N, C-alpha and C. Protein backbone atom coordinates (compact mmCIF):
# COMPACT_ATOMS: atom_id res chain seq x y z
N MET A 1 -188.00 189.38 23.14
CA MET A 1 -187.12 189.06 21.93
C MET A 1 -188.22 189.29 20.81
N GLU A 2 -189.18 189.12 20.95
CA GLU A 2 -190.78 189.07 20.21
C GLU A 2 -190.58 190.32 19.48
N ILE A 3 -190.15 191.46 20.20
CA ILE A 3 -190.44 192.64 19.58
C ILE A 3 -189.80 193.00 18.59
N SER A 4 -188.35 192.18 18.35
CA SER A 4 -186.86 192.55 17.59
C SER A 4 -187.43 191.72 16.78
N VAL A 5 -187.83 190.52 16.54
CA VAL A 5 -188.12 189.55 15.32
C VAL A 5 -189.21 190.79 14.63
N THR A 6 -190.21 191.36 15.24
CA THR A 6 -191.53 191.47 14.64
C THR A 6 -190.63 193.12 14.10
N ILE A 7 -190.07 193.66 14.50
CA ILE A 7 -188.99 194.45 14.14
C ILE A 7 -188.15 194.57 12.94
N LEU A 8 -187.83 193.50 12.90
CA LEU A 8 -186.98 192.42 12.14
C LEU A 8 -187.26 192.32 10.94
N TRP A 9 -188.56 192.12 10.90
CA TRP A 9 -189.92 191.71 9.98
C TRP A 9 -190.02 192.85 9.17
N LEU A 10 -190.25 194.01 10.22
CA LEU A 10 -191.12 195.37 9.43
C LEU A 10 -189.70 195.87 8.76
N GLY A 11 -188.65 195.97 8.98
CA GLY A 11 -187.42 196.59 8.52
C GLY A 11 -187.08 195.64 6.78
N LEU A 12 -186.99 194.26 7.13
CA LEU A 12 -187.11 193.80 6.11
C LEU A 12 -187.68 193.85 4.81
N LEU A 13 -188.96 194.18 5.41
CA LEU A 13 -190.62 194.59 4.72
C LEU A 13 -189.85 196.21 3.86
N ILE A 14 -189.29 197.29 4.70
CA ILE A 14 -189.04 198.54 4.27
C ILE A 14 -188.04 198.40 2.91
N VAL A 15 -186.88 197.32 3.49
CA VAL A 15 -185.61 197.60 2.33
C VAL A 15 -186.38 196.81 1.48
N LEU A 16 -186.92 195.80 1.21
CA LEU A 16 -187.56 195.14 0.16
C LEU A 16 -188.30 196.20 -0.52
N LEU A 17 -189.00 197.10 -0.20
CA LEU A 17 -190.32 198.22 -0.95
C LEU A 17 -189.28 198.87 -1.19
N ALA A 18 -188.31 199.17 -0.42
CA ALA A 18 -187.34 200.49 -1.39
C ALA A 18 -186.58 199.64 -2.35
N ILE A 19 -186.15 199.38 -2.22
CA ILE A 19 -185.20 198.14 -3.19
C ILE A 19 -185.89 198.18 -4.67
N GLU A 20 -187.12 197.78 -4.21
CA GLU A 20 -188.19 197.82 -5.60
C GLU A 20 -188.47 198.85 -6.12
N ALA A 21 -189.28 200.01 -5.27
CA ALA A 21 -189.35 201.12 -5.95
C ALA A 21 -187.72 201.86 -6.65
N ALA A 22 -186.87 201.66 -5.83
CA ALA A 22 -185.32 201.89 -6.57
C ALA A 22 -185.58 201.27 -7.96
N THR A 23 -185.27 200.65 -8.54
CA THR A 23 -185.27 199.29 -9.47
C THR A 23 -186.69 199.37 -10.54
N LEU A 24 -187.74 199.17 -10.17
CA LEU A 24 -188.86 198.89 -10.65
C LEU A 24 -188.57 197.73 -11.50
N GLY A 25 -188.28 196.75 -11.57
CA GLY A 25 -187.44 195.51 -12.05
C GLY A 25 -188.87 194.14 -11.78
N LEU A 26 -189.08 194.57 -10.89
CA LEU A 26 -189.77 193.23 -10.32
C LEU A 26 -189.06 192.52 -9.48
N THR A 27 -187.91 192.91 -8.92
CA THR A 27 -186.85 191.69 -8.63
C THR A 27 -187.20 191.65 -6.64
N THR A 28 -187.96 192.34 -6.11
CA THR A 28 -187.68 192.13 -4.39
C THR A 28 -189.16 191.78 -3.75
N ILE A 29 -190.55 192.37 -5.06
CA ILE A 29 -191.50 192.61 -4.43
C ILE A 29 -192.33 191.32 -4.25
N TRP A 30 -191.92 190.37 -4.39
CA TRP A 30 -192.32 188.96 -4.45
C TRP A 30 -191.84 188.71 -2.54
N PHE A 31 -190.72 188.78 -2.67
CA PHE A 31 -189.96 188.95 -1.06
C PHE A 31 -190.75 189.47 -0.05
N ALA A 32 -190.95 190.97 -0.18
CA ALA A 32 -191.70 191.88 0.07
C ALA A 32 -193.28 191.41 0.88
N GLY A 33 -193.84 190.67 0.04
CA GLY A 33 -195.04 189.71 0.39
C GLY A 33 -194.54 188.87 1.04
N GLY A 34 -193.94 188.12 1.09
CA GLY A 34 -193.58 187.35 1.97
C GLY A 34 -192.79 187.59 3.41
N ALA A 35 -192.08 188.91 3.41
CA ALA A 35 -191.47 189.68 4.97
C ALA A 35 -193.28 190.31 5.31
N LEU A 36 -193.86 191.17 4.77
CA LEU A 36 -194.99 191.00 5.43
C LEU A 36 -196.11 190.02 5.65
N VAL A 37 -196.54 189.15 5.37
CA VAL A 37 -196.61 187.95 6.24
C VAL A 37 -196.59 187.58 7.13
N ALA A 38 -194.51 187.70 7.16
CA ALA A 38 -194.07 187.11 8.49
C ALA A 38 -194.44 188.10 9.24
N PHE A 39 -194.47 189.35 9.34
CA PHE A 39 -194.63 190.73 9.93
C PHE A 39 -195.75 190.45 11.01
N LEU A 40 -196.51 190.16 9.85
CA LEU A 40 -198.24 189.80 9.99
C LEU A 40 -197.70 188.36 11.66
N ALA A 41 -197.60 187.98 10.96
CA ALA A 41 -197.23 186.55 11.89
C ALA A 41 -196.72 186.95 13.16
N ALA A 42 -195.91 187.39 12.81
CA ALA A 42 -194.69 187.99 14.36
C ALA A 42 -195.95 189.24 15.14
N LEU A 43 -196.95 189.83 14.46
CA LEU A 43 -197.69 190.28 15.36
C LEU A 43 -198.77 189.50 16.04
N VAL A 44 -199.09 188.41 15.81
CA VAL A 44 -199.94 187.94 16.56
C VAL A 44 -199.03 186.32 17.35
N HIS A 45 -197.74 186.99 17.34
CA HIS A 45 -197.31 186.10 18.77
C HIS A 45 -197.17 184.23 17.62
N ALA A 46 -196.84 184.43 16.47
CA ALA A 46 -196.34 182.92 15.81
C ALA A 46 -194.90 182.57 16.18
N PRO A 47 -194.73 181.09 16.38
CA PRO A 47 -193.18 180.68 16.59
C PRO A 47 -192.40 181.68 15.69
N LEU A 48 -190.90 181.70 15.85
CA LEU A 48 -190.24 181.86 15.05
C LEU A 48 -189.95 180.98 13.29
N PRO A 49 -190.23 180.17 14.04
CA PRO A 49 -189.80 178.94 12.84
C PRO A 49 -191.37 179.12 11.71
N ALA A 50 -192.03 179.09 12.19
CA ALA A 50 -193.55 179.50 11.58
C ALA A 50 -193.68 180.63 10.97
N GLN A 51 -192.65 182.15 11.60
CA GLN A 51 -192.78 182.96 10.03
C GLN A 51 -192.05 182.63 9.38
N ILE A 52 -191.19 182.39 9.51
CA ILE A 52 -189.44 181.62 8.47
C ILE A 52 -190.24 180.77 7.38
N VAL A 53 -191.28 180.05 7.80
CA VAL A 53 -191.48 179.43 7.17
C VAL A 53 -193.13 179.78 6.05
N LEU A 54 -193.58 180.90 6.95
CA LEU A 54 -194.29 181.33 5.98
C LEU A 54 -193.83 182.45 4.87
N PHE A 55 -192.60 183.00 5.48
CA PHE A 55 -191.88 184.14 4.38
C PHE A 55 -191.18 183.55 3.51
N PHE A 56 -191.02 182.27 3.05
CA PHE A 56 -190.82 181.30 2.26
C PHE A 56 -191.59 180.85 1.28
N VAL A 57 -192.67 180.47 2.19
CA VAL A 57 -193.68 179.79 1.35
C VAL A 57 -194.69 180.79 0.60
N VAL A 58 -195.08 181.79 1.07
CA VAL A 58 -195.17 182.94 0.71
C VAL A 58 -194.45 183.55 -0.36
N SER A 59 -193.48 183.78 -0.61
CA SER A 59 -192.47 184.74 -1.48
C SER A 59 -192.41 183.61 -2.15
N LEU A 60 -192.08 182.23 -2.12
CA LEU A 60 -191.70 181.55 -3.47
C LEU A 60 -193.66 181.41 -4.00
N ALA A 61 -194.49 181.28 -3.40
CA ALA A 61 -195.93 181.32 -4.13
C ALA A 61 -196.13 182.61 -4.76
N LEU A 62 -195.84 183.46 -4.76
CA LEU A 62 -195.88 184.80 -5.31
C LEU A 62 -195.08 184.79 -6.57
N LEU A 63 -193.86 184.64 -6.09
CA LEU A 63 -192.91 184.64 -7.21
C LEU A 63 -193.40 183.44 -8.15
N ILE A 64 -194.02 182.49 -8.29
CA ILE A 64 -194.09 181.51 -9.27
C ILE A 64 -195.78 181.72 -9.61
N PHE A 65 -196.72 182.29 -9.06
CA PHE A 65 -198.02 182.36 -9.69
C PHE A 65 -198.22 183.58 -9.93
N THR A 66 -197.74 184.60 -9.37
CA THR A 66 -198.07 186.25 -9.70
C THR A 66 -197.17 186.59 -10.27
N ARG A 67 -195.64 186.22 -10.55
CA ARG A 67 -194.66 187.03 -11.55
C ARG A 67 -195.05 186.95 -13.22
N PRO A 68 -195.39 185.78 -13.56
CA PRO A 68 -195.48 186.04 -15.26
C PRO A 68 -196.76 186.80 -15.54
N VAL A 69 -198.13 187.16 -14.99
CA VAL A 69 -199.14 187.63 -14.70
C VAL A 69 -198.62 189.22 -14.61
N ALA A 70 -197.63 189.79 -13.83
CA ALA A 70 -197.19 190.79 -13.75
C ALA A 70 -195.91 191.20 -14.95
N VAL A 71 -195.41 190.06 -15.26
CA VAL A 71 -194.57 190.38 -16.38
C VAL A 71 -195.30 190.84 -17.60
N ARG A 72 -196.24 189.66 -18.06
CA ARG A 72 -197.13 190.44 -19.03
C ARG A 72 -197.73 191.85 -18.90
N PHE A 73 -197.99 191.91 -17.65
CA PHE A 73 -198.94 193.08 -17.73
C PHE A 73 -197.96 194.18 -17.73
N MET A 74 -196.98 194.49 -17.10
CA MET A 74 -195.63 195.63 -17.12
C MET A 74 -195.27 195.76 -18.87
N ASN A 75 -195.17 194.71 -19.01
CA ASN A 75 -194.18 194.59 -20.69
C ASN A 75 -195.65 194.85 -22.04
N GLN A 76 -197.00 194.93 -21.49
CA GLN A 76 -197.83 194.82 -22.47
C GLN A 76 -197.60 196.25 -23.40
N LYS A 77 -197.15 197.51 -22.79
CA LYS A 77 -197.39 198.81 -23.37
C LYS A 77 -196.20 198.52 -24.42
N THR A 78 -195.18 197.87 -23.84
CA THR A 78 -193.53 197.62 -24.70
C THR A 78 -193.30 197.95 -26.41
N GLU A 79 -193.04 199.24 -26.77
CA GLU A 79 -193.18 199.34 -28.07
C GLU A 79 -192.06 198.65 -28.59
N LYS A 80 -192.22 197.91 -29.77
CA LYS A 80 -190.65 197.41 -30.65
C LYS A 80 -189.97 198.74 -30.76
N THR A 81 -188.89 198.46 -31.24
CA THR A 81 -187.91 199.57 -31.65
C THR A 81 -188.15 199.95 -33.04
N ASN A 82 -186.93 200.91 -33.59
CA ASN A 82 -187.60 201.28 -35.13
C ASN A 82 -186.86 200.06 -36.30
N VAL A 83 -185.89 199.63 -35.45
CA VAL A 83 -185.57 198.20 -36.50
C VAL A 83 -186.02 197.42 -36.31
N ASP A 84 -186.93 196.90 -35.07
CA ASP A 84 -187.77 195.73 -35.29
C ASP A 84 -189.10 195.98 -35.67
N SER A 85 -189.75 196.82 -35.78
CA SER A 85 -190.49 197.19 -36.74
C SER A 85 -190.32 196.97 -38.34
N LEU A 86 -189.23 197.15 -38.47
CA LEU A 86 -188.69 196.79 -40.24
C LEU A 86 -188.99 194.87 -40.54
N LEU A 87 -188.72 194.80 -39.05
CA LEU A 87 -189.23 193.06 -40.04
C LEU A 87 -190.35 192.89 -40.35
N GLY A 88 -190.44 192.04 -41.71
CA GLY A 88 -191.54 191.72 -42.55
C GLY A 88 -192.05 192.77 -43.28
N LYS A 89 -191.70 194.17 -43.10
CA LYS A 89 -192.29 195.50 -43.66
C LYS A 89 -191.40 195.34 -45.38
N LYS A 90 -191.99 196.09 -46.52
CA LYS A 90 -191.16 196.38 -47.79
C LYS A 90 -190.68 197.08 -48.19
N ALA A 91 -189.67 196.98 -48.86
CA ALA A 91 -188.64 197.87 -48.97
C ALA A 91 -188.38 198.05 -50.38
N VAL A 92 -188.01 199.35 -51.11
CA VAL A 92 -187.43 199.40 -52.46
C VAL A 92 -186.13 199.41 -52.55
N VAL A 93 -185.75 198.73 -53.82
CA VAL A 93 -184.51 198.28 -53.81
C VAL A 93 -184.06 199.51 -54.91
N THR A 94 -183.00 199.94 -53.95
CA THR A 94 -182.58 201.23 -54.54
C THR A 94 -181.45 201.68 -55.20
N GLN A 95 -180.36 200.17 -54.75
CA GLN A 95 -178.95 199.63 -56.00
C GLN A 95 -179.19 198.17 -55.58
N THR A 96 -178.67 198.23 -56.61
CA THR A 96 -178.77 196.22 -57.05
C THR A 96 -178.22 195.74 -55.76
N ILE A 97 -178.89 194.56 -55.26
CA ILE A 97 -178.15 193.68 -54.07
C ILE A 97 -176.91 192.80 -54.48
N GLU A 98 -175.91 192.72 -54.86
CA GLU A 98 -175.19 191.11 -54.71
C GLU A 98 -174.27 191.41 -53.77
N ASN A 99 -174.16 190.40 -52.95
CA ASN A 99 -173.64 190.01 -52.07
C ASN A 99 -172.04 190.01 -52.50
N LEU A 100 -172.41 188.94 -53.09
CA LEU A 100 -170.85 188.64 -53.51
C LEU A 100 -169.96 190.29 -53.72
N LYS A 101 -170.33 191.13 -54.22
CA LYS A 101 -170.12 192.23 -54.28
C LYS A 101 -170.25 193.08 -53.30
N GLY A 102 -171.11 192.72 -52.17
CA GLY A 102 -170.95 193.80 -51.46
C GLY A 102 -171.91 195.12 -51.32
N THR A 103 -172.75 194.75 -52.49
CA THR A 103 -173.69 196.08 -52.90
C THR A 103 -174.86 195.91 -52.83
N GLY A 104 -175.99 197.13 -52.51
CA GLY A 104 -177.07 196.99 -52.36
C GLY A 104 -177.57 198.02 -51.21
N ARG A 105 -178.66 198.77 -51.39
CA ARG A 105 -179.82 199.60 -50.60
C ARG A 105 -180.69 199.34 -50.92
N VAL A 106 -181.45 199.83 -49.93
CA VAL A 106 -182.79 199.53 -50.04
C VAL A 106 -183.94 200.92 -49.41
N GLN A 107 -184.71 201.15 -49.83
CA GLN A 107 -185.59 202.53 -49.16
C GLN A 107 -186.90 201.83 -48.00
N ILE A 108 -186.63 202.47 -47.40
CA ILE A 108 -188.02 201.70 -46.51
C ILE A 108 -188.09 202.86 -45.03
N LYS A 109 -189.82 203.24 -45.40
CA LYS A 109 -190.18 204.40 -44.34
C LYS A 109 -189.27 205.80 -44.56
N GLY A 110 -189.05 206.24 -45.84
CA GLY A 110 -188.17 207.06 -46.19
C GLY A 110 -186.98 207.42 -46.39
N VAL A 111 -186.09 205.82 -44.92
CA VAL A 111 -184.56 206.17 -44.75
C VAL A 111 -184.15 205.28 -45.48
N ASP A 112 -182.90 205.22 -45.87
CA ASP A 112 -182.10 204.71 -46.68
C ASP A 112 -180.99 203.47 -46.03
N TRP A 113 -181.16 202.38 -46.28
CA TRP A 113 -180.48 201.10 -45.46
C TRP A 113 -179.29 200.58 -46.49
N ALA A 114 -178.57 199.83 -45.92
CA ALA A 114 -177.64 198.85 -46.95
C ALA A 114 -178.55 197.83 -46.67
N ALA A 115 -178.36 197.14 -47.72
CA ALA A 115 -179.01 195.50 -47.86
C ALA A 115 -178.29 194.31 -48.37
N ARG A 116 -178.60 193.26 -48.12
CA ARG A 116 -178.09 192.18 -48.43
C ARG A 116 -179.13 191.24 -48.74
N ALA A 117 -179.22 190.52 -49.42
CA ALA A 117 -179.95 189.36 -49.74
C ALA A 117 -180.25 188.00 -48.83
N LYS A 118 -180.96 187.88 -48.68
CA LYS A 118 -181.18 186.31 -48.18
C LYS A 118 -180.05 184.94 -48.37
N GLU A 119 -180.43 185.06 -49.82
CA GLU A 119 -179.43 183.96 -50.50
C GLU A 119 -178.44 184.72 -51.43
N ASP A 120 -177.08 183.96 -50.64
CA ASP A 120 -175.88 184.43 -51.58
C ASP A 120 -175.76 185.14 -52.66
N GLY A 121 -176.16 183.74 -53.88
CA GLY A 121 -175.59 184.12 -55.21
C GLY A 121 -177.14 185.09 -55.62
N SER A 122 -177.64 185.28 -55.13
CA SER A 122 -179.32 185.75 -56.03
C SER A 122 -178.89 187.11 -55.75
N VAL A 123 -179.32 188.30 -57.07
CA VAL A 123 -178.56 189.08 -57.22
C VAL A 123 -180.47 190.11 -57.45
N ILE A 124 -180.83 190.98 -56.97
CA ILE A 124 -182.32 191.64 -56.90
C ILE A 124 -181.60 193.14 -57.41
N GLU A 125 -182.61 193.61 -58.75
CA GLU A 125 -182.06 194.46 -59.18
C GLU A 125 -183.12 195.64 -58.35
N ALA A 126 -182.24 196.88 -58.85
CA ALA A 126 -183.38 198.33 -58.34
C ALA A 126 -184.36 198.17 -58.76
N GLY A 127 -185.06 198.61 -58.08
CA GLY A 127 -186.95 198.62 -58.45
C GLY A 127 -187.12 197.65 -57.55
N ALA A 128 -186.90 196.56 -57.44
CA ALA A 128 -187.38 195.39 -57.08
C ALA A 128 -188.35 195.90 -55.69
N VAL A 129 -189.41 195.02 -54.87
CA VAL A 129 -189.59 195.35 -54.02
C VAL A 129 -189.61 194.14 -53.00
N VAL A 130 -188.96 194.37 -52.12
CA VAL A 130 -188.72 192.95 -51.22
C VAL A 130 -188.94 193.21 -49.46
N THR A 131 -188.76 191.85 -48.96
CA THR A 131 -189.50 191.99 -47.65
C THR A 131 -187.92 191.64 -46.58
N VAL A 132 -188.31 192.38 -45.74
CA VAL A 132 -186.97 192.84 -44.91
C VAL A 132 -187.58 191.80 -43.90
N ILE A 133 -186.43 190.48 -43.60
CA ILE A 133 -186.66 189.43 -42.98
C ILE A 133 -185.76 189.72 -41.65
N GLU A 134 -184.63 190.70 -42.21
CA GLU A 134 -183.79 190.72 -40.73
C GLU A 134 -183.10 191.35 -40.35
N VAL A 135 -182.51 191.91 -39.29
CA VAL A 135 -181.27 192.91 -39.52
C VAL A 135 -180.44 191.81 -38.65
N GLN A 136 -179.13 192.67 -39.41
CA GLN A 136 -177.68 192.22 -39.15
C GLN A 136 -176.66 193.59 -39.10
N GLY A 137 -176.85 194.13 -37.72
CA GLY A 137 -176.23 195.00 -37.41
C GLY A 137 -176.88 196.28 -37.99
N VAL A 138 -175.88 197.15 -39.28
CA VAL A 138 -176.53 198.24 -40.09
C VAL A 138 -176.65 197.43 -40.87
N LYS A 139 -177.54 197.03 -41.50
CA LYS A 139 -177.51 196.21 -42.75
C LYS A 139 -179.16 195.34 -43.04
N LEU A 140 -179.71 195.76 -43.90
CA LEU A 140 -181.16 194.61 -43.62
C LEU A 140 -180.96 193.67 -44.73
N ILE A 141 -181.53 192.44 -44.01
CA ILE A 141 -180.79 190.93 -44.93
C ILE A 141 -183.14 191.10 -45.58
N VAL A 142 -182.85 191.45 -46.80
CA VAL A 142 -183.81 190.87 -47.66
C VAL A 142 -184.67 189.96 -48.62
N ASP A 143 -185.18 189.35 -48.74
CA ASP A 143 -185.84 188.25 -49.74
C ASP A 143 -186.82 189.08 -50.49
N ASN A 144 -186.65 188.09 -52.20
CA ASN A 144 -187.98 188.51 -52.98
C ASN A 144 -189.03 188.54 -52.15
N CYS A 145 -189.97 189.68 -52.59
CA CYS A 145 -191.58 189.13 -52.37
C CYS A 145 -192.18 188.40 -53.31
N THR A 146 -192.91 187.66 -52.35
CA THR A 146 -193.78 186.76 -52.86
C THR A 146 -195.33 187.09 -53.39
N ASP A 147 -195.72 188.18 -52.80
CA ASP A 147 -197.02 188.33 -53.30
C ASP A 147 -197.10 189.88 -54.10
């Protein structure tokens, strides 16, 4: 029976590693670590309840203590999308922005965008420099520059 339990842990380890390799989303790697420790415990003939406890304790410990570091490391080189990179940038108003009329366009980084003012009643004249504060769909929400 001990050999079959050892094979079970090895099989679980392989399946969890295969899922992790297929998804690359840090979903099962923590449990693969637990399965590895349980497999090693089975190899040294630890009782089955101890193997199960080791699996859960190691999996939970890896999940709690290493996941935040791993996620931070994995997301370190995540690039902002083009839209996200516009937030806080300056744009030039090319068509007067009037929310009540539904008009307004700005140019930023050589691209023309529909724009609306942060304040509903405000009018921002063409030629003004504004700051992008939000993106709503295909419209930039802008505010007058303070600097």
